[in-house]
């Protein structure tokens, strides 16, 4: 098991890459996409069942593993992924009720008519 460093995403990413290397796996975009979809469906199913929170969290972690595989297949490395996660955090932190509105199940940018 990878030693915990309090940086779960980086730990999971490097663990996933080591897992692929250990098995000689070189993810392709098509293969990684299929595995991603399968894991997302398992997460959705677990969430709708809603009875086992640990199982839901496990399925969510599996989805993140498949995101890492998809990124690897697309040539995106761990540090690029983490950098963009922080960019998304900053972007989301800057959103306010003045700039965005919750509509149709999603927080969206306000348009000039709202």
Protein backbone atom coordinates (compact mmCIF):
# COMPACT_ATOMS: atom_id res chain seq x y z
CA UNK A 1 0.00 0.00 0.00
CA UNK A 2 1.15 3.51 -0.76
CA UNK A 3 2.12 5.50 2.33
CA UNK A 4 -0.46 8.19 3.14
CA UNK A 5 0.87 11.71 2.66
CA UNK A 6 -2.33 13.73 3.26
CA UNK A 7 -2.40 14.38 -0.50
CA UNK A 8 -4.96 11.78 -1.50
CA UNK A 9 -5.25 12.73 -5.17
CA UNK A 10 -1.50 12.68 -5.76
CA UNK A 11 -1.20 9.42 -3.78
CA UNK A 12 -4.05 7.83 -5.75
CA UNK A 13 -2.60 9.01 -9.04
CA UNK A 14 0.87 7.65 -8.40
CA UNK A 15 -0.60 4.42 -7.00
CA UNK A 16 -2.75 4.04 -10.13
CA UNK A 17 0.20 4.66 -12.44
CA UNK A 18 2.28 2.11 -10.50
CA UNK A 19 -0.63 -0.35 -10.74
CA UNK A 20 -0.72 0.08 -14.53
CA UNK A 21 3.05 -0.33 -14.74
CA UNK A 22 2.99 -3.44 -12.54
CA UNK A 23 0.54 -5.08 -14.96
CA UNK A 24 2.12 -3.65 -18.12
CA UNK A 25 -1.04 -1.68 -18.91
CA UNK A 26 -0.87 1.26 -21.31
CA UNK A 27 -4.37 2.77 -21.32
CA UNK A 28 -5.82 3.77 -24.68
CA UNK A 29 -8.43 6.49 -25.04
CA UNK A 30 -11.13 4.05 -26.15
CA UNK A 31 -10.34 1.51 -23.45
CA UNK A 32 -10.03 4.12 -20.70
CA UNK A 33 -13.28 5.74 -21.83
CA UNK A 34 -15.13 2.42 -21.63
CA UNK A 35 -13.78 1.68 -18.15
CA UNK A 36 -14.66 5.23 -17.03
CA UNK A 37 -18.25 4.85 -18.22
CA UNK A 38 -18.56 1.48 -16.51
CA UNK A 39 -17.32 2.88 -13.19
CA UNK A 40 -19.54 5.98 -13.44
CA UNK A 41 -22.54 3.71 -13.95
CA UNK A 42 -21.54 1.66 -10.89
CA UNK A 43 -21.30 4.86 -8.84
CA UNK A 44 -24.70 6.05 -10.04
CA UNK A 45 -26.21 2.66 -9.21
CA UNK A 46 -24.67 2.64 -5.72
CA UNK A 47 -25.83 6.21 -5.07
CA UNK A 48 -29.39 5.41 -6.13
CA UNK A 49 -29.42 2.37 -3.86
CA UNK A 50 -28.19 4.74 -1.15
CA UNK A 51 -27.97 2.15 1.59
CA UNK A 52 -24.20 1.73 1.91
CA UNK A 53 -22.28 5.01 2.11
CA UNK A 54 -18.92 3.20 2.21
CA UNK A 55 -19.78 1.43 -1.06
CA UNK A 56 -20.77 4.74 -2.66
CA UNK A 57 -17.46 6.28 -1.58
CA UNK A 58 -15.55 3.26 -2.91
CA UNK A 59 -17.28 3.56 -6.28
CA UNK A 60 -16.49 7.29 -6.34
CA UNK A 61 -12.82 6.49 -5.71
CA UNK A 62 -12.94 3.97 -8.56
CA UNK A 63 -14.27 6.72 -10.84
CA UNK A 64 -11.33 8.92 -9.88
CA UNK A 65 -8.94 6.05 -10.71
CA UNK A 66 -10.51 5.79 -14.15
CA UNK A 67 -10.20 9.57 -14.63
CA UNK A 68 -6.48 9.19 -13.93
CA UNK A 69 -6.31 6.39 -16.53
CA UNK A 70 -8.18 8.49 -19.07
CA UNK A 71 -5.83 11.41 -18.43
CA UNK A 72 -2.81 9.11 -18.85
CA UNK A 73 -4.20 7.84 -22.14
CA UNK A 74 -4.64 11.46 -23.27
CA UNK A 75 -1.09 12.40 -22.24
CA UNK A 76 -2.06 14.43 -19.15
CA UNK A 77 0.24 13.78 -16.20
CA UNK A 78 -0.52 13.92 -12.49
CA UNK A 79 0.89 17.40 -11.94
CA UNK A 80 -1.09 18.84 -14.88
CA UNK A 81 -4.27 17.29 -13.50
CA UNK A 82 -3.64 18.70 -10.04
CA UNK A 83 -2.78 22.14 -11.43
CA UNK A 84 -6.08 22.22 -13.32
CA UNK A 85 -7.98 21.05 -10.24
CA UNK A 86 -6.68 24.09 -8.39
CA UNK A 87 -7.68 26.28 -11.36
CA UNK A 88 -11.22 24.88 -11.14
CA UNK A 89 -11.24 25.47 -7.38
CA UNK A 90 -10.27 29.12 -7.93
CA UNK A 91 -12.87 29.52 -10.68
CA UNK A 92 -15.64 27.99 -8.54
CA UNK A 93 -14.60 30.02 -5.47
CA UNK A 94 -15.00 33.20 -7.54
CA UNK A 95 -18.61 32.39 -8.52
CA UNK A 96 -21.25 34.33 -6.60
CA UNK A 97 -25.00 34.84 -6.65
CA UNK A 98 -24.32 37.96 -8.70
CA UNK A 99 -22.45 36.04 -11.42
CA UNK A 100 -24.24 32.68 -11.39
CA UNK A 101 -27.65 31.13 -10.77
CA UNK A 102 -28.85 27.62 -9.96
CA UNK A 103 -31.05 26.53 -12.84
CA UNK A 104 -32.18 23.14 -14.15
CA UNK A 105 -30.00 21.23 -11.70
CA UNK A 106 -26.81 23.14 -12.45
CA UNK A 107 -25.08 26.33 -11.31
CA UNK A 108 -24.86 28.42 -14.47
CA UNK A 109 -23.49 31.80 -15.47
CA UNK A 110 -26.15 34.49 -15.34
CA UNK A 111 -27.05 35.87 -18.72
CA UNK A 112 -27.98 39.48 -19.32
CA UNK A 113 -31.72 38.73 -19.03
CA UNK A 114 -31.53 37.27 -15.49
